[in-house]
Amino acid sequence: MNNAASKVTVVGSGISGAVCACTLARNGISVTLFDSARGPGGRMSQRRETSEDGNEMLFDHGAPFFTVTNNDVLALVREWESGGLVAEWKVNLGSFDRVSKKFVNIQQDGMNKKYVGVPGMNSICKALCHQPDLTFAPDLAVKLEEIPVNPCFALMLAFSKPLSPIPVKGFSFQDSEVLSWAHCDSSKPGRSAHSERWVLHSTADYARTVIAQTGLQKPSEATLKKVAEEMFQEFQGTGLSIPLPIFRKAHRWGSAFPAASIAKEERCLWDVKKRLAICGDFCVSPNVEGAILSGLAAASKLTEILSCL
C-alpha cells in the first residue's frame, strides 16, 4: 500500500462515520475526520442541560437504544461492551394505547437485548474518534439532497420523583397524533440518578405540521416552548398522573429518520473513480445497526481500493 495515497477523509462523526474511520485506522490508513457539529455522535448525541437549582442533567435526546441482529455488528458491540463503552439496558418496554389508556404488548426483559452507550449514547462515537477541528463539506451534502427524511421533535423532561404509575421504562404510543415514543433516560446503566429524566419523541406528522407553520430555519425559542407545551400536554393526557416537571425543553431533529433505504445490497454509495464512499443509516435501515453496517461497508470499499495502489 502506498503510504502517500493511503489517506482518507471522513466527513461526519455519527456512528456510521465513526465506525468507518476507526475501521480504516485499524487497517493502517491515515484518517482525518471532519464534522459540522461540536462533537461526535450525530443522532446518538447526548444533550447537556442545567436545572434551575444548578444541577447538570444529561439526556440521550436522539437514539434511545439499539438492538443487534447482524453478526459483524454483534462482534463490534461485544468488543465495545468489554471495554465499558456499551451496556445492556435491562428494562421492560411496551406500548400505550391512548384510546383505552392501557399499556399493551409489554416485552419482558431478555427477549431482545437492548444496548446503550455508557455513560451516554455518544460515548461510542467519542471513543472511536479523536476530536477534530470541526468543519463542513457542502459538496458532499448535495449528493444526498433527494433522500426523503422524517422530522421529529424531542422533549427532555426531568422530575423530582419517579413516575411510579408507568410500569415500563420505554414505550411507544398508539393512536396519538403528537407522541410516538417515551423512555426513562435515567434508568439506563451509568446514568446519574439525581432526578428522573424522560425523553419523548413526536410523530413525524406532528413535526411536519410544525415545520410547515414555522419554516425549515432553526426553530425560535417561542416555537420550541410551544412544542414543549403541546407534547407535555399529550403526555399528561395519558391519564397516568404525570406531575409537572422540574425541567422541560424541546429539540428539533430536522432529519431524524430516513424514509427510504437507497443501498440495501451495497450498504453504501460508492464512486470508484472519485474514491468516494457515502455511508449512513439511509443506505441500509433507519437505525443504529443499519448505520454501523453502512460504515463497515464504506471502510471495506476504501480499504480494498487503497490496497491496490
C-alpha atoms as a PDB file:
ATOM      1  CA  MET A   1       0.000   0.000   0.000  1.00  0.00           C
ATOM      2  CA  ASN A   2       1.348   3.398  -0.994  1.00  0.00           C
ATOM      3  CA  ASN A   3       1.575   5.481   2.201  1.00  0.00           C
ATOM      4  CA  ALA A   4       1.229   8.754   0.294  1.00  0.00           C
ATOM      5  CA  ALA A   5      -2.061   7.571  -1.211  1.00  0.00           C
ATOM      6  CA  SER A   6      -3.314   5.863   1.948  1.00  0.00           C
ATOM      7  CA  LYS A   7      -5.039   8.909   3.345  1.00  0.00           C
ATOM      8  CA  VAL A   8      -8.796   9.144   3.750  1.00  0.00           C
ATOM      9  CA  THR A   9     -11.057  11.983   4.823  1.00  0.00           C
ATOM     10  CA  VAL A  10     -14.269  11.025   6.604  1.00  0.00           C
ATOM     11  CA  VAL A  11     -16.943  13.703   6.784  1.00  0.00           C
ATOM     12  CA  GLY A  12     -19.421  13.167   9.614  1.00  0.00           C
ATOM     13  CA  SER A  13     -18.786  11.611  13.030  1.00  0.00           C
ATOM     14  CA  GLY A  14     -22.097   9.929  13.675  1.00  0.00           C
ATOM     15  CA  ILE A  15     -21.943   6.198  14.342  1.00  0.00           C
ATOM     16  CA  SER A  16     -21.610   5.345  10.634  1.00  0.00           C
ATOM     17  CA  GLY A  17     -18.712   7.743  10.018  1.00  0.00           C
ATOM     18  CA  ALA A  18     -17.076   6.867  13.333  1.00  0.00           C
ATOM     19  CA  VAL A  19     -17.150   3.123  12.598  1.00  0.00           C
ATOM     20  CA  CYS A  20     -15.831   3.723   9.082  1.00  0.00           C
ATOM     21  CA  ALA A  21     -12.963   5.938  10.331  1.00  0.00           C
ATOM     22  CA  CYS A  22     -11.989   3.585  13.145  1.00  0.00           C
ATOM     23  CA  THR A  23     -12.037   0.532  10.845  1.00  0.00           C
ATOM     24  CA  LEU A  24      -9.818   2.288   8.312  1.00  0.00           C
ATOM     25  CA  ALA A  25      -7.365   3.409  11.001  1.00  0.00           C
ATOM     26  CA  ARG A  26      -7.094  -0.131  12.299  1.00  0.00           C
ATOM     27  CA  ASN A  27      -6.068  -1.164   8.800  1.00  0.00           C
ATOM     28  CA  GLY A  28      -3.156   1.287   8.832  1.00  0.00           C
ATOM     29  CA  ILE A  29      -4.849   4.017   6.822  1.00  0.00           C
ATOM     30  CA  SER A  30      -4.382   7.637   7.872  1.00  0.00           C
ATOM     31  CA  VAL A  31      -7.805   9.155   8.544  1.00  0.00           C
ATOM     32  CA  THR A  32      -8.837  12.778   9.034  1.00  0.00           C
ATOM     33  CA  LEU A  33     -12.317  13.245  10.460  1.00  0.00           C
ATOM     34  CA  PHE A  34     -14.452  16.348   9.942  1.00  0.00           C
ATOM     35  CA  ASP A  35     -17.866  17.286  11.301  1.00  0.00           C
ATOM     36  CA  SER A  36     -20.071  20.374  11.400  1.00  0.00           C
ATOM     37  CA  ALA A  37     -21.194  19.618  14.965  1.00  0.00           C
ATOM     38  CA  ARG A  38     -19.388  20.388  18.215  1.00  0.00           C
ATOM     39  CA  GLY A  39     -18.540  16.775  18.885  1.00  0.00           C
ATOM     40  CA  PRO A  40     -19.029  13.184  17.701  1.00  0.00           C
ATOM     41  CA  GLY A  41     -22.364  11.392  17.912  1.00  0.00           C
ATOM     42  CA  GLY A  42     -24.802  12.640  15.275  1.00  0.00           C
ATOM     43  CA  ARG A  43     -28.243  11.352  16.207  1.00  0.00           C
ATOM     44  CA  MET A  44     -26.574   9.396  19.019  1.00  0.00           C
ATOM     45  CA  SER A  45     -25.636  12.693  20.663  1.00  0.00           C
ATOM     46  CA  GLN A  46     -26.172  13.500  24.321  1.00  0.00           C
ATOM     47  CA  ARG A  47     -27.603  16.840  25.436  1.00  0.00           C
ATOM     48  CA  ARG A  48     -26.153  18.632  28.476  1.00  0.00           C
ATOM     49  CA  GLU A  49     -28.607  20.876  30.336  1.00  0.00           C
ATOM     50  CA  THR A  50     -28.724  22.637  33.720  1.00  0.00           C
ATOM     51  CA  SER A  51     -31.736  22.715  36.010  1.00  0.00           C
ATOM     52  CA  GLU A  52     -32.874  25.824  37.891  1.00  0.00           C
ATOM     53  CA  ASP A  53     -31.086  24.623  41.036  1.00  0.00           C
ATOM     54  CA  GLY A  54     -27.802  24.377  39.113  1.00  0.00           C
ATOM     55  CA  ASN A  55     -27.616  20.605  38.740  1.00  0.00           C
ATOM     56  CA  GLU A  56     -26.264  19.235  35.476  1.00  0.00           C
ATOM     57  CA  MET A  57     -28.568  16.897  33.552  1.00  0.00           C
ATOM     58  CA  LEU A  58     -27.714  14.707  30.572  1.00  0.00           C
ATOM     59  CA  PHE A  59     -30.249  13.452  28.023  1.00  0.00           C
ATOM     60  CA  ASP A  60     -29.950  10.926  25.190  1.00  0.00           C
ATOM     61  CA  HIS A  61     -32.323  13.008  23.080  1.00  0.00           C
ATOM     62  CA  GLY A  62     -31.699  11.087  19.851  1.00  0.00           C
ATOM     63  CA  ALA A  63     -31.497   7.312  19.521  1.00  0.00           C
ATOM     64  CA  PRO A  64     -32.626   5.882  22.897  1.00  0.00           C
ATOM     65  CA  PHE A  65     -31.027   2.437  22.440  1.00  0.00           C
ATOM     66  CA  PHE A  66     -30.207  -0.078  19.715  1.00  0.00           C
ATOM     67  CA  THR A  67     -30.591  -3.788  19.029  1.00  0.00           C
ATOM     68  CA  VAL A  68     -28.364  -6.100  17.020  1.00  0.00           C
ATOM     69  CA  THR A  69     -29.139  -8.956  14.610  1.00  0.00           C
ATOM     70  CA  ASN A  70     -26.069  -8.923  12.323  1.00  0.00           C
ATOM     71  CA  ASN A  71     -23.038 -10.990  13.396  1.00  0.00           C
ATOM     72  CA  ASP A  72     -20.488  -8.394  12.222  1.00  0.00           C
ATOM     73  CA  VAL A  73     -22.187  -5.694  14.268  1.00  0.00           C
ATOM     74  CA  LEU A  74     -22.549  -8.068  17.220  1.00  0.00           C
ATOM     75  CA  ALA A  75     -18.787  -8.665  17.196  1.00  0.00           C
ATOM     76  CA  LEU A  76     -18.200  -4.913  17.408  1.00  0.00           C
ATOM     77  CA  VAL A  77     -20.766  -4.477  20.168  1.00  0.00           C
ATOM     78  CA  ARG A  78     -19.186  -7.252  22.246  1.00  0.00           C
ATOM     79  CA  GLU A  79     -15.821  -5.510  21.888  1.00  0.00           C
ATOM     80  CA  TRP A  80     -17.383  -2.201  22.989  1.00  0.00           C
ATOM     81  CA  GLU A  81     -19.143  -3.953  25.862  1.00  0.00           C
ATOM     82  CA  SER A  82     -15.892  -5.492  27.137  1.00  0.00           C
ATOM     83  CA  GLY A  83     -14.316  -2.027  27.011  1.00  0.00           C
ATOM     84  CA  GLY A  84     -17.108  -0.467  29.055  1.00  0.00           C
ATOM     85  CA  LEU A  85     -18.458   1.646  26.185  1.00  0.00           C
ATOM     86  CA  VAL A  86     -21.735  -0.257  25.911  1.00  0.00           C
ATOM     87  CA  ALA A  87     -24.035  -1.958  28.387  1.00  0.00           C
ATOM     88  CA  GLU A  88     -27.268  -3.864  28.124  1.00  0.00           C
ATOM     89  CA  TRP A  89     -30.346  -1.844  29.167  1.00  0.00           C
ATOM     90  CA  LYS A  90     -32.296  -4.427  31.141  1.00  0.00           C
ATOM     91  CA  VAL A  91     -35.784  -2.961  31.279  1.00  0.00           C
ATOM     92  CA  ASN A  92     -39.281  -3.788  30.071  1.00  0.00           C
ATOM     93  CA  LEU A  93     -40.701  -1.902  27.099  1.00  0.00           C
ATOM     94  CA  GLY A  94     -44.230  -1.716  25.775  1.00  0.00           C
ATOM     95  CA  SER A  95     -46.888   0.356  24.045  1.00  0.00           C
ATOM     96  CA  PHE A  96     -49.532   2.698  25.416  1.00  0.00           C
ATOM     97  CA  ASP A  97     -52.980   2.669  23.837  1.00  0.00           C
ATOM     98  CA  ARG A  98     -54.262   6.207  24.139  1.00  0.00           C
ATOM     99  CA  VAL A  99     -57.856   5.159  23.463  1.00  0.00           C
ATOM    100  CA  SER A 100     -58.110   2.518  26.201  1.00  0.00           C
ATOM    101  CA  LYS A 101     -55.453   4.314  28.311  1.00  0.00           C
ATOM    102  CA  LYS A 102     -53.769   0.988  28.973  1.00  0.00           C
ATOM    103  CA  PHE A 103     -50.291  -0.427  28.436  1.00  0.00           C
ATOM    104  CA  VAL A 104     -50.209  -3.275  25.930  1.00  0.00           C
ATOM    105  CA  ASN A 105     -47.607  -5.552  24.339  1.00  0.00           C
ATOM    106  CA  ILE A 106     -45.234  -5.313  27.285  1.00  0.00           C
ATOM    107  CA  GLN A 107     -41.968  -7.012  26.364  1.00  0.00           C
ATOM    108  CA  GLN A 108     -40.213  -8.700  29.256  1.00  0.00           C
ATOM    109  CA  ASP A 109     -36.522  -8.035  29.810  1.00  0.00           C
ATOM    110  CA  GLY A 110     -34.283 -10.510  27.986  1.00  0.00           C
ATOM    111  CA  MET A 111     -36.476 -11.095  24.924  1.00  0.00           C
ATOM    112  CA  ASN A 112     -34.359  -8.786  22.745  1.00  0.00           C
ATOM    113  CA  LYS A 113     -31.166  -7.304  24.108  1.00  0.00           C
ATOM    114  CA  LYS A 114     -31.208  -3.511  24.156  1.00  0.00           C
ATOM    115  CA  TYR A 115     -27.833  -1.762  24.156  1.00  0.00           C
ATOM    116  CA  VAL A 116     -26.913   1.780  25.213  1.00  0.00           C
ATOM    117  CA  GLY A 117     -23.685   3.746  25.254  1.00  0.00           C
ATOM    118  CA  VAL A 118     -22.120   4.366  28.687  1.00  0.00           C
ATOM    119  CA  PRO A 119     -22.262   6.913  30.213  1.00  0.00           C
ATOM    120  CA  GLY A 120     -24.109   8.341  27.184  1.00  0.00           C
ATOM    121  CA  MET A 121     -25.176   7.227  23.723  1.00  0.00           C
ATOM    122  CA  ASN A 122     -22.421   9.428  22.261  1.00  0.00           C
ATOM    123  CA  SER A 123     -19.720   7.585  24.263  1.00  0.00           C
ATOM    124  CA  ILE A 124     -19.273   5.054  21.455  1.00  0.00           C
ATOM    125  CA  CYS A 125     -18.567   7.691  18.804  1.00  0.00           C
ATOM    126  CA  LYS A 126     -16.317   9.647  21.168  1.00  0.00           C
ATOM    127  CA  ALA A 127     -14.183   6.584  21.763  1.00  0.00           C
ATOM    128  CA  LEU A 128     -13.998   5.711  18.069  1.00  0.00           C
ATOM    129  CA  CYS A 129     -12.984   9.228  17.000  1.00  0.00           C
ATOM    130  CA  HIS A 130     -10.352  11.691  18.036  1.00  0.00           C
ATOM    131  CA  GLN A 131     -11.893  15.132  18.471  1.00  0.00           C
ATOM    132  CA  PRO A 132     -11.097  17.033  15.245  1.00  0.00           C
ATOM    133  CA  ASP A 133     -11.236  20.673  14.285  1.00  0.00           C
ATOM    134  CA  LEU A 134     -14.814  20.734  13.107  1.00  0.00           C
ATOM    135  CA  THR A 135     -15.765  21.943   9.627  1.00  0.00           C
ATOM    136  CA  PHE A 136     -18.357  21.312   6.896  1.00  0.00           C
ATOM    137  CA  ALA A 137     -18.124  19.823   3.378  1.00  0.00           C
ATOM    138  CA  PRO A 138     -21.050  21.205   1.297  1.00  0.00           C
ATOM    139  CA  ASP A 139     -20.016  19.318  -1.855  1.00  0.00           C
ATOM    140  CA  LEU A 140     -20.952  16.019  -0.237  1.00  0.00           C
ATOM    141  CA  ALA A 141     -24.246  17.284   1.143  1.00  0.00           C
ATOM    142  CA  VAL A 142     -25.584  17.994  -2.377  1.00  0.00           C
ATOM    143  CA  LYS A 143     -25.442  14.293  -3.267  1.00  0.00           C
ATOM    144  CA  LEU A 144     -27.911  13.460  -0.507  1.00  0.00           C
ATOM    145  CA  GLU A 145     -30.481  16.189  -1.071  1.00  0.00           C
ATOM    146  CA  GLU A 146     -33.094  13.885  -2.599  1.00  0.00           C
ATOM    147  CA  ILE A 147     -33.192  11.319   0.214  1.00  0.00           C
ATOM    148  CA  PRO A 148     -36.622  11.608   1.875  1.00  0.00           C
ATOM    149  CA  VAL A 149     -36.457  12.098   5.628  1.00  0.00           C
ATOM    150  CA  ASN A 150     -38.910  12.254   8.507  1.00  0.00           C
ATOM    151  CA  PRO A 151     -38.515  15.047  11.092  1.00  0.00           C
ATOM    152  CA  CYS A 152     -39.039  14.635  14.827  1.00  0.00           C
ATOM    153  CA  PHE A 153     -39.182  16.776  17.952  1.00  0.00           C
ATOM    154  CA  ALA A 154     -37.645  15.504  21.194  1.00  0.00           C
ATOM    155  CA  LEU A 155     -38.866  16.712  24.569  1.00  0.00           C
ATOM    156  CA  MET A 156     -36.485  16.411  27.517  1.00  0.00           C
ATOM    157  CA  LEU A 157     -38.157  16.243  30.927  1.00  0.00           C
ATOM    158  CA  ALA A 158     -36.815  15.942  34.475  1.00  0.00           C
ATOM    159  CA  PHE A 159     -38.919  15.086  37.544  1.00  0.00           C
ATOM    160  CA  SER A 160     -38.071  15.301  41.211  1.00  0.00           C
ATOM    161  CA  LYS A 161     -39.696  11.910  41.888  1.00  0.00           C
ATOM    162  CA  PRO A 162     -40.073   8.671  39.900  1.00  0.00           C
ATOM    163  CA  LEU A 163     -43.106   8.334  37.636  1.00  0.00           C
ATOM    164  CA  SER A 164     -44.325   5.276  39.538  1.00  0.00           C
ATOM    165  CA  PRO A 165     -47.648   4.907  37.636  1.00  0.00           C
ATOM    166  CA  ILE A 166     -45.694   3.927  34.496  1.00  0.00           C
ATOM    167  CA  PRO A 167     -44.904   0.167  34.636  1.00  0.00           C
ATOM    168  CA  VAL A 168     -42.242   0.212  31.882  1.00  0.00           C
ATOM    169  CA  LYS A 169     -39.133   2.282  31.167  1.00  0.00           C
ATOM    170  CA  GLY A 170     -39.852   2.835  27.487  1.00  0.00           C
ATOM    171  CA  PHE A 171     -42.970   2.657  25.351  1.00  0.00           C
ATOM    172  CA  SER A 172     -44.467   3.626  22.013  1.00  0.00           C
ATOM    173  CA  PHE A 173     -47.807   5.392  21.647  1.00  0.00           C
ATOM    174  CA  GLN A 174     -50.809   4.035  19.787  1.00  0.00           C
ATOM    175  CA  ASP A 175     -53.449   6.428  18.391  1.00  0.00           C
ATOM    176  CA  SER A 176     -51.573   9.615  19.312  1.00  0.00           C
ATOM    177  CA  GLU A 177     -51.176  12.344  16.717  1.00  0.00           C
ATOM    178  CA  VAL A 178     -48.439  14.038  18.761  1.00  0.00           C
ATOM    179  CA  LEU A 179     -46.287  11.430  20.536  1.00  0.00           C
ATOM    180  CA  SER A 180     -44.609   8.309  19.145  1.00  0.00           C
ATOM    181  CA  TRP A 181     -42.195   7.258  21.899  1.00  0.00           C
ATOM    182  CA  ALA A 182     -41.169   7.862  25.544  1.00  0.00           C
ATOM    183  CA  HIS A 183     -38.349   6.430  27.625  1.00  0.00           C
ATOM    184  CA  CYS A 184     -36.858   6.920  31.074  1.00  0.00           C
ATOM    185  CA  ASP A 185     -33.333   8.057  30.252  1.00  0.00           C
ATOM    186  CA  SER A 186     -32.111   7.995  33.848  1.00  0.00           C
ATOM    187  CA  SER A 187     -32.887   4.258  34.100  1.00  0.00           C
ATOM    188  CA  LYS A 188     -30.023   3.396  31.757  1.00  0.00           C
ATOM    189  CA  PRO A 189     -26.780   1.994  33.185  1.00  0.00           C
ATOM    190  CA  GLY A 190     -24.132   4.560  34.104  1.00  0.00           C
ATOM    191  CA  ARG A 191     -26.580   7.478  34.380  1.00  0.00           C
ATOM    192  CA  SER A 192     -26.985   9.878  37.277  1.00  0.00           C
ATOM    193  CA  ALA A 193     -29.994   9.180  39.497  1.00  0.00           C
ATOM    194  CA  HIS A 194     -30.183  12.752  40.824  1.00  0.00           C
ATOM    195  CA  SER A 195     -33.525  13.200  39.045  1.00  0.00           C
ATOM    196  CA  GLU A 196     -35.819  11.027  36.947  1.00  0.00           C
ATOM    197  CA  ARG A 197     -35.337  12.063  33.323  1.00  0.00           C
ATOM    198  CA  TRP A 198     -37.596  11.172  30.419  1.00  0.00           C
ATOM    199  CA  VAL A 199     -37.291  11.823  26.680  1.00  0.00           C
ATOM    200  CA  LEU A 200     -40.379  11.965  24.454  1.00  0.00           C
ATOM    201  CA  HIS A 201     -40.341  11.781  20.651  1.00  0.00           C
ATOM    202  CA  SER A 202     -43.043  13.300  18.488  1.00  0.00           C
ATOM    203  CA  THR A 203     -44.713  11.713  15.493  1.00  0.00           C
ATOM    204  CA  ALA A 204     -43.348  12.672  12.081  1.00  0.00           C
ATOM    205  CA  ASP A 205     -46.747  14.118  11.113  1.00  0.00           C
ATOM    206  CA  TYR A 206     -46.763  16.431  14.117  1.00  0.00           C
ATOM    207  CA  ALA A 207     -43.211  17.603  13.351  1.00  0.00           C
ATOM    208  CA  ARG A 208     -44.062  18.203   9.692  1.00  0.00           C
ATOM    209  CA  THR A 209     -47.089  20.285  10.711  1.00  0.00           C
ATOM    210  CA  VAL A 210     -44.961  22.485  12.970  1.00  0.00           C
ATOM    211  CA  ILE A 211     -42.293  22.888  10.278  1.00  0.00           C
ATOM    212  CA  ALA A 212     -44.952  23.794   7.690  1.00  0.00           C
ATOM    213  CA  GLN A 213     -46.139  26.570  10.008  1.00  0.00           C
ATOM    214  CA  THR A 214     -42.735  27.880  11.122  1.00  0.00           C
ATOM    215  CA  GLY A 215     -40.349  27.039   8.273  1.00  0.00           C
ATOM    216  CA  LEU A 216     -37.170  24.975   7.953  1.00  0.00           C
ATOM    217  CA  GLN A 217     -34.923  27.523   9.634  1.00  0.00           C
ATOM    218  CA  LYS A 218     -33.685  26.931  13.159  1.00  0.00           C
ATOM    219  CA  PRO A 219     -36.789  26.994  15.382  1.00  0.00           C
ATOM    220  CA  SER A 220     -37.226  30.017  17.629  1.00  0.00           C
ATOM    221  CA  GLU A 221     -37.425  29.794  21.406  1.00  0.00           C
ATOM    222  CA  ALA A 222     -41.143  30.597  21.146  1.00  0.00           C
ATOM    223  CA  THR A 223     -41.688  27.689  18.743  1.00  0.00           C
ATOM    224  CA  LEU A 224     -39.763  25.252  20.942  1.00  0.00           C
ATOM    225  CA  LYS A 225     -41.692  26.382  24.034  1.00  0.00           C
ATOM    226  CA  LYS A 226     -44.996  25.855  22.212  1.00  0.00           C
ATOM    227  CA  VAL A 227     -43.877  22.402  21.049  1.00  0.00           C
ATOM    228  CA  ALA A 228     -42.753  21.523  24.582  1.00  0.00           C
ATOM    229  CA  GLU A 229     -46.138  22.573  25.952  1.00  0.00           C
ATOM    230  CA  GLU A 230     -48.109  20.578  23.372  1.00  0.00           C
ATOM    231  CA  MET A 231     -46.011  17.440  23.741  1.00  0.00           C
ATOM    232  CA  PHE A 232     -46.178  17.575  27.535  1.00  0.00           C
ATOM    233  CA  GLN A 233     -49.951  18.112  27.463  1.00  0.00           C
ATOM    234  CA  GLU A 234     -50.258  14.981  25.325  1.00  0.00           C
ATOM    235  CA  PHE A 235     -48.101  13.114  27.852  1.00  0.00           C
ATOM    236  CA  GLN A 236     -50.322  14.291  30.694  1.00  0.00           C
ATOM    237  CA  GLY A 237     -53.366  13.325  28.647  1.00  0.00           C
ATOM    238  CA  THR A 238     -52.475   9.662  29.075  1.00  0.00           C
ATOM    239  CA  GLY A 239     -54.174   9.733  32.477  1.00  0.00           C
ATOM    240  CA  LEU A 240     -51.008   8.415  34.130  1.00  0.00           C
ATOM    241  CA  SER A 241     -50.904  11.163  36.769  1.00  0.00           C
ATOM    242  CA  ILE A 242     -47.848  12.872  35.287  1.00  0.00           C
ATOM    243  CA  PRO A 243     -46.706  15.700  37.620  1.00  0.00           C
ATOM    244  CA  LEU A 244     -45.198  18.982  36.492  1.00  0.00           C
ATOM    245  CA  PRO A 245     -41.502  18.570  35.642  1.00  0.00           C
ATOM    246  CA  ILE A 246     -38.651  20.490  37.223  1.00  0.00           C
ATOM    247  CA  PHE A 247     -37.124  20.842  33.748  1.00  0.00           C
ATOM    248  CA  ARG A 248     -38.650  20.887  30.262  1.00  0.00           C
ATOM    249  CA  LYS A 249     -37.025  21.630  26.897  1.00  0.00           C
ATOM    250  CA  ALA A 250     -37.719  20.683  23.272  1.00  0.00           C
ATOM    251  CA  HIS A 251     -35.252  19.988  20.458  1.00  0.00           C
ATOM    252  CA  ARG A 252     -35.914  19.574  16.740  1.00  0.00           C
ATOM    253  CA  TRP A 253     -34.314  16.818  14.682  1.00  0.00           C
ATOM    254  CA  GLY A 254     -34.910  18.094  11.144  1.00  0.00           C
ATOM    255  CA  SER A 255     -33.793  14.805   9.562  1.00  0.00           C
ATOM    256  CA  ALA A 256     -34.455  12.312  12.312  1.00  0.00           C
ATOM    257  CA  PHE A 257     -35.226   9.196  10.288  1.00  0.00           C
ATOM    258  CA  PRO A 258     -34.575   8.407   6.609  1.00  0.00           C
ATOM    259  CA  ALA A 259     -37.819   7.438   4.873  1.00  0.00           C
ATOM    260  CA  ALA A 260     -36.070   5.206   2.344  1.00  0.00           C
ATOM    261  CA  SER A 261     -33.078   2.859   2.116  1.00  0.00           C
ATOM    262  CA  ILE A 262     -31.107   3.649  -1.022  1.00  0.00           C
ATOM    263  CA  ALA A 263     -28.358   0.983  -0.998  1.00  0.00           C
ATOM    264  CA  LYS A 264     -29.626  -2.108   0.810  1.00  0.00           C
ATOM    265  CA  GLU A 265     -27.459  -4.531  -1.154  1.00  0.00           C
ATOM    266  CA  GLU A 266     -24.236  -2.471  -1.399  1.00  0.00           C
ATOM    267  CA  ARG A 267     -24.781  -0.908   2.073  1.00  0.00           C
ATOM    268  CA  CYS A 268     -23.059   2.317   0.957  1.00  0.00           C
ATOM    269  CA  LEU A 269     -22.842   4.603  -2.069  1.00  0.00           C
ATOM    270  CA  TRP A 270     -19.552   4.021  -3.878  1.00  0.00           C
ATOM    271  CA  ASP A 271     -17.879   6.013  -6.676  1.00  0.00           C
ATOM    272  CA  VAL A 272     -14.716   4.140  -7.616  1.00  0.00           C
ATOM    273  CA  LYS A 273     -13.403   6.889  -9.937  1.00  0.00           C
ATOM    274  CA  LYS A 274     -13.605   9.540  -7.240  1.00  0.00           C
ATOM    275  CA  ARG A 275     -12.701   7.055  -4.488  1.00  0.00           C
ATOM    276  CA  LEU A 276     -15.762   8.341  -2.674  1.00  0.00           C
ATOM    277  CA  ALA A 277     -17.920   6.320  -0.291  1.00  0.00           C
ATOM    278  CA  ILE A 278     -21.067   7.717   1.337  1.00  0.00           C
ATOM    279  CA  CYS A 279     -22.473   5.790   4.268  1.00  0.00           C
ATOM    280  CA  GLY A 280     -25.276   6.188   6.780  1.00  0.00           C
ATOM    281  CA  ASP A 281     -28.489   4.648   8.041  1.00  0.00           C
ATOM    282  CA  PHE A 282     -30.208   5.916   4.883  1.00  0.00           C
ATOM    283  CA  CYS A 283     -28.268   3.269   2.941  1.00  0.00           C
ATOM    284  CA  VAL A 284     -29.348   0.148   4.876  1.00  0.00           C
ATOM    285  CA  SER A 285     -32.030   0.725   7.515  1.00  0.00           C
ATOM    286  CA  PRO A 286     -33.095   3.692   9.690  1.00  0.00           C
ATOM    287  CA  ASN A 287     -31.437   2.582  12.930  1.00  0.00           C
ATOM    288  CA  VAL A 288     -28.078   2.346  14.677  1.00  0.00           C
ATOM    289  CA  GLU A 289     -27.338  -1.147  13.380  1.00  0.00           C
ATOM    290  CA  GLY A 290     -28.019  -0.034   9.799  1.00  0.00           C
ATOM    291  CA  ALA A 291     -25.643   2.903  10.245  1.00  0.00           C
ATOM    292  CA  ILE A 292     -22.893   0.641  11.612  1.00  0.00           C
ATOM    293  CA  LEU A 293     -23.272  -1.811   8.722  1.00  0.00           C
ATOM    294  CA  SER A 294     -23.031   1.051   6.234  1.00  0.00           C
ATOM    295  CA  GLY A 295     -19.878   2.374   7.919  1.00  0.00           C
ATOM    296  CA  LEU A 296     -18.265  -1.054   7.759  1.00  0.00           C
ATOM    297  CA  ALA A 297     -19.162  -1.354   4.064  1.00  0.00           C
ATOM    298  CA  ALA A 298     -17.643   2.044   3.245  1.00  0.00           C
ATOM    299  CA  ALA A 299     -14.447   1.161   5.116  1.00  0.00           C
ATOM    300  CA  SER A 300     -14.239  -2.130   3.213  1.00  0.00           C
ATOM    301  CA  LYS A 301     -14.580  -0.395  -0.176  1.00  0.00           C
ATOM    302  CA  LEU A 302     -11.905   2.175   0.672  1.00  0.00           C
ATOM    303  CA  THR A 303      -9.523  -0.400   2.162  1.00  0.00           C
ATOM    304  CA  GLU A 304      -9.877  -2.591  -0.928  1.00  0.00           C
ATOM    305  CA  ILE A 305      -9.056   0.169  -3.420  1.00  0.00           C
ATOM    306  CA  LEU A 306      -6.181   1.540  -1.326  1.00  0.00           C
ATOM    307  CA  SER A 307      -4.613  -1.918  -1.063  1.00  0.00           C
ATOM    308  CA  CYS A 308      -4.252  -1.924  -4.857  1.00  0.00           C
ATOM    309  CA  LEU A 309      -2.325   1.367  -5.006  1.00  0.00           C
END
